[in-house]
Amino acid sequence: MERFDKIFFGFVIGFIFPTMIGLLSVIIWFYTDKQETHALIYALTGLLCGLLIDLMFLKRWINKRYVLPIWFVIGIYILYNIGLFGFFMGFPVFNVLLGLLAGYYFGNRICSNKIQQDKHSKLINQVSLFTGLIMIFICISSGFIALVGSGVGYDIQGMLGLGFEVTKPMIWSITLIGGFVLILLQILLTRITMIKTIKNNAR
């Protein structure tokens, strides 16, 4: 399990810097340069900078993964949410999976740091509410795109193969009900994963 944890979290942490800095470099190219011949140079420069950060710090982060500063862990979680949200073009369903990651990490962090059992419930509630809060922002962003953007109804109609027109009131209903379900699911997944991880470590 120790080996799995190191490989798993090494990938989770190590993936973020080359990817995000590479994307940031492309954004800088888009707004400052825009010459097509330079795009790859910007992307590779960002990627190499991210890999250099990994080379310098990743091993230390992996070994100290359960005592990393909370702001650092939260930052990675938020960046993954933003990246997943953008990758699926504002479709928030897959962001729920990150609740599993948060629950697994913080469950192990609690056990690794030998936090007293009477504090477990409070920490489980705090982490679950935090992931739920992030999902609220994700759902609000997704809802804004759906309600303000044009042609969303046709996209939903085509994606689901519906034989009727998807109207604005229907989009409102999907946004509100779907958002509520996703937020609740995120909280429950985080909570259940934390509890199960703590129990597995106690065996």
Protein backbone atom coordinates (compact mmCIF):
# COMPACT_ATOMS: atom_id res chain seq x y z
CA MET A 1 0.00 0.00 0.00
CA GLU A 2 2.88 2.37 0.78
CA ARG A 3 4.34 1.80 -2.68
CA PHE A 4 0.95 2.34 -4.31
CA ASP A 5 0.45 5.58 -2.38
CA LYS A 6 3.81 6.93 -3.46
CA ILE A 7 3.20 6.12 -7.12
CA PHE A 8 -0.40 7.37 -7.06
CA PHE A 9 0.24 10.67 -5.31
CA GLY A 10 3.50 11.11 -7.18
CA PHE A 11 1.45 11.08 -10.38
CA VAL A 12 -1.25 13.34 -8.93
CA ILE A 13 1.23 15.97 -7.73
CA GLY A 14 3.75 15.55 -10.53
CA PHE A 15 1.18 15.86 -13.30
CA ILE A 16 -0.15 19.23 -12.20
CA PHE A 17 2.89 21.47 -12.70
CA PRO A 18 3.99 20.51 -16.25
CA THR A 19 0.36 20.56 -17.39
CA MET A 20 -0.69 23.83 -15.81
CA ILE A 21 2.52 25.73 -16.59
CA GLY A 22 2.38 24.38 -20.14
CA LEU A 23 -1.20 25.62 -20.52
CA LEU A 24 -0.26 28.97 -18.97
CA SER A 25 2.56 29.32 -21.51
CA VAL A 26 0.12 28.66 -24.36
CA ILE A 27 -2.25 31.29 -22.94
CA ILE A 28 0.63 33.77 -22.77
CA TRP A 29 1.46 32.95 -26.40
CA PHE A 30 -2.16 33.46 -27.44
CA TYR A 31 -2.45 36.91 -25.86
CA THR A 32 1.05 38.23 -26.58
CA ASP A 33 2.51 36.55 -29.63
CA LYS A 34 0.01 34.55 -31.72
CA GLN A 35 2.60 33.47 -34.29
CA GLU A 36 1.81 29.84 -35.05
CA THR A 37 5.46 28.91 -35.41
CA HIS A 38 6.08 30.01 -31.81
CA ALA A 39 3.19 28.09 -30.19
CA LEU A 40 5.14 24.85 -29.75
CA ILE A 41 8.11 26.74 -28.29
CA TYR A 42 5.88 28.33 -25.64
CA ALA A 43 4.21 25.01 -24.82
CA LEU A 44 7.50 23.11 -24.54
CA THR A 45 9.04 25.88 -22.43
CA GLY A 46 6.15 25.69 -19.97
CA LEU A 47 6.27 21.90 -19.95
CA LEU A 48 10.01 21.87 -19.26
CA CYS A 49 9.62 24.41 -16.44
CA GLY A 50 6.99 22.17 -14.85
CA LEU A 51 9.20 19.10 -15.23
CA LEU A 52 12.09 21.03 -13.67
CA ILE A 53 9.90 21.83 -10.65
CA ASP A 54 9.03 18.14 -10.38
CA LEU A 55 12.69 17.18 -10.64
CA MET A 56 13.61 19.56 -7.83
CA PHE A 57 10.73 19.00 -5.40
CA LEU A 58 8.57 15.98 -6.31
CA LYS A 59 10.49 13.37 -4.34
CA ARG A 60 10.31 15.53 -1.22
CA TRP A 61 6.58 16.15 -1.73
CA ILE A 62 5.91 12.43 -2.14
CA ASN A 63 7.81 11.51 1.02
CA LYS A 64 6.02 14.26 2.99
CA ARG A 65 2.67 13.92 1.22
CA TYR A 66 0.64 13.69 4.44
CA VAL A 67 2.27 16.69 6.10
CA LEU A 68 2.14 19.05 3.13
CA PRO A 69 0.72 22.50 3.94
CA ILE A 70 -3.07 22.56 3.63
CA TRP A 71 -2.93 25.54 1.25
CA PHE A 72 -0.74 23.50 -1.10
CA VAL A 73 -3.13 20.53 -1.05
CA ILE A 74 -6.17 22.79 -1.52
CA GLY A 75 -4.43 24.54 -4.42
CA ILE A 76 -3.81 21.24 -6.21
CA TYR A 77 -7.43 20.17 -5.62
CA ILE A 78 -8.77 23.43 -7.03
CA LEU A 79 -6.46 23.28 -10.05
CA TYR A 80 -7.64 19.76 -10.83
CA ASN A 81 -11.24 20.93 -10.61
CA ILE A 82 -10.56 23.80 -12.99
CA GLY A 83 -8.65 21.54 -15.38
CA LEU A 84 -11.35 18.85 -15.40
CA PHE A 85 -14.07 21.48 -15.83
CA GLY A 86 -12.25 22.96 -18.83
CA PHE A 87 -11.35 19.58 -20.35
CA PHE A 88 -15.01 18.54 -20.45
CA MET A 89 -16.04 22.02 -21.67
CA GLY A 90 -18.07 23.03 -18.63
CA PHE A 91 -19.76 19.67 -18.07
CA PRO A 92 -19.40 19.26 -14.27
CA VAL A 93 -20.34 15.59 -13.74
CA PHE A 94 -16.75 14.30 -13.83
CA ASN A 95 -15.68 16.77 -11.11
CA VAL A 96 -17.51 14.53 -8.65
CA LEU A 97 -14.71 11.97 -9.03
CA LEU A 98 -12.34 14.38 -7.32
CA GLY A 99 -14.31 13.87 -4.12
CA LEU A 100 -12.97 10.31 -4.07
CA LEU A 101 -9.43 11.66 -4.37
CA ALA A 102 -9.96 14.18 -1.56
CA GLY A 103 -11.57 11.59 0.70
CA TYR A 104 -8.79 9.06 0.12
CA TYR A 105 -6.04 11.61 0.70
CA PHE A 106 -7.46 13.17 3.85
CA GLY A 107 -8.48 9.80 5.28
CA ASN A 108 -4.87 8.65 4.95
CA ARG A 109 -3.59 11.99 6.23
CA ILE A 110 -5.66 11.63 9.40
CA CYS A 111 -4.29 8.14 10.04
CA SER A 112 -0.71 9.00 9.07
CA ASN A 113 -0.63 11.91 11.51
CA LYS A 114 -2.31 9.80 14.24
CA ILE A 115 -5.03 12.36 14.84
CA GLN A 116 -7.19 11.49 17.85
CA GLN A 117 -10.42 9.65 17.06
CA ASP A 118 -12.63 12.25 18.73
CA LYS A 119 -11.50 14.77 16.08
CA HIS A 120 -12.26 12.53 13.09
CA SER A 121 -15.92 13.53 12.72
CA LYS A 122 -15.09 17.24 12.68
CA LEU A 123 -12.37 16.78 10.05
CA ILE A 124 -14.61 14.56 7.91
CA ASN A 125 -17.33 17.22 8.00
CA GLN A 126 -14.88 20.01 7.16
CA VAL A 127 -13.35 18.22 4.16
CA SER A 128 -16.73 17.07 2.85
CA LEU A 129 -18.19 20.57 3.10
CA PHE A 130 -15.12 22.01 1.39
CA THR A 131 -15.42 19.68 -1.61
CA GLY A 132 -19.14 20.47 -1.69
CA LEU A 133 -18.34 24.19 -1.71
CA ILE A 134 -15.97 23.78 -4.65
CA MET A 135 -18.69 21.84 -6.47
CA ILE A 136 -21.10 24.72 -5.83
CA PHE A 137 -18.74 27.08 -7.68
CA ILE A 138 -18.30 24.52 -10.47
CA CYS A 139 -22.08 24.10 -10.84
CA ILE A 140 -22.65 27.87 -10.80
CA SER A 141 -20.07 28.29 -13.56
CA SER A 142 -21.58 25.44 -15.56
CA GLY A 143 -25.10 26.83 -15.07
CA PHE A 144 -24.00 30.29 -16.18
CA ILE A 145 -22.54 28.85 -19.38
CA ALA A 146 -25.69 26.81 -20.01
CA LEU A 147 -28.14 29.66 -19.38
CA VAL A 148 -26.25 32.47 -21.07
CA GLY A 149 -24.78 30.54 -24.00
CA SER A 150 -26.76 30.11 -27.18
CA GLY A 151 -27.55 26.73 -28.66
CA VAL A 152 -27.18 24.84 -25.37
CA GLY A 153 -30.70 23.43 -25.71
CA TYR A 154 -29.84 21.99 -29.13
CA ASP A 155 -26.61 20.51 -27.73
CA ILE A 156 -28.52 18.74 -24.94
CA GLN A 157 -31.18 17.61 -27.38
CA GLY A 158 -28.58 16.15 -29.72
CA MET A 159 -26.46 14.60 -26.95
CA LEU A 160 -29.41 12.78 -25.39
CA GLY A 161 -31.17 12.06 -28.70
CA LEU A 162 -34.36 13.79 -27.58
CA GLY A 163 -37.29 14.13 -29.96
CA PHE A 164 -38.46 17.45 -28.51
CA GLU A 165 -37.06 20.94 -28.10
CA VAL A 166 -35.18 21.71 -24.89
CA THR A 167 -36.50 25.07 -23.70
CA LYS A 168 -35.01 27.62 -21.29
CA PRO A 169 -37.28 26.53 -18.40
CA MET A 170 -36.08 22.95 -18.97
CA ILE A 171 -32.45 24.13 -18.89
CA TRP A 172 -33.17 25.99 -15.63
CA SER A 173 -34.64 22.79 -14.15
CA ILE A 174 -31.70 20.67 -15.31
CA THR A 175 -29.25 23.23 -13.92
CA LEU A 176 -30.89 23.55 -10.50
CA ILE A 177 -31.82 19.91 -9.92
CA GLY A 178 -28.64 18.52 -11.50
CA GLY A 179 -26.48 20.99 -9.57
CA PHE A 180 -28.11 20.06 -6.26
CA VAL A 181 -27.64 16.34 -6.94
CA LEU A 182 -23.97 16.81 -7.89
CA ILE A 183 -23.22 18.89 -4.79
CA LEU A 184 -24.89 16.35 -2.52
CA LEU A 185 -23.13 13.48 -4.29
CA GLN A 186 -19.76 15.21 -3.93
CA ILE A 187 -20.25 15.64 -0.19
CA LEU A 188 -21.38 12.04 0.28
CA LEU A 189 -18.57 10.55 -1.83
CA THR A 190 -15.93 12.53 0.05
CA ARG A 191 -17.42 11.60 3.40
CA ILE A 192 -17.86 7.89 2.62
CA THR A 193 -14.36 7.61 1.13
CA MET A 194 -12.77 9.27 4.17
CA ILE A 195 -14.62 7.00 6.60
CA LYS A 196 -13.77 3.86 4.62
CA THR A 197 -10.10 4.87 4.28
CA ILE A 198 -9.81 5.52 8.02
CA LYS A 199 -11.42 2.16 8.80
CA ASN A 200 -9.09 0.34 6.39
CA ASN A 201 -6.07 1.94 8.05
CA ALA A 202 -7.34 0.91 11.48
CA ARG A 203 -7.32 -2.80 10.58
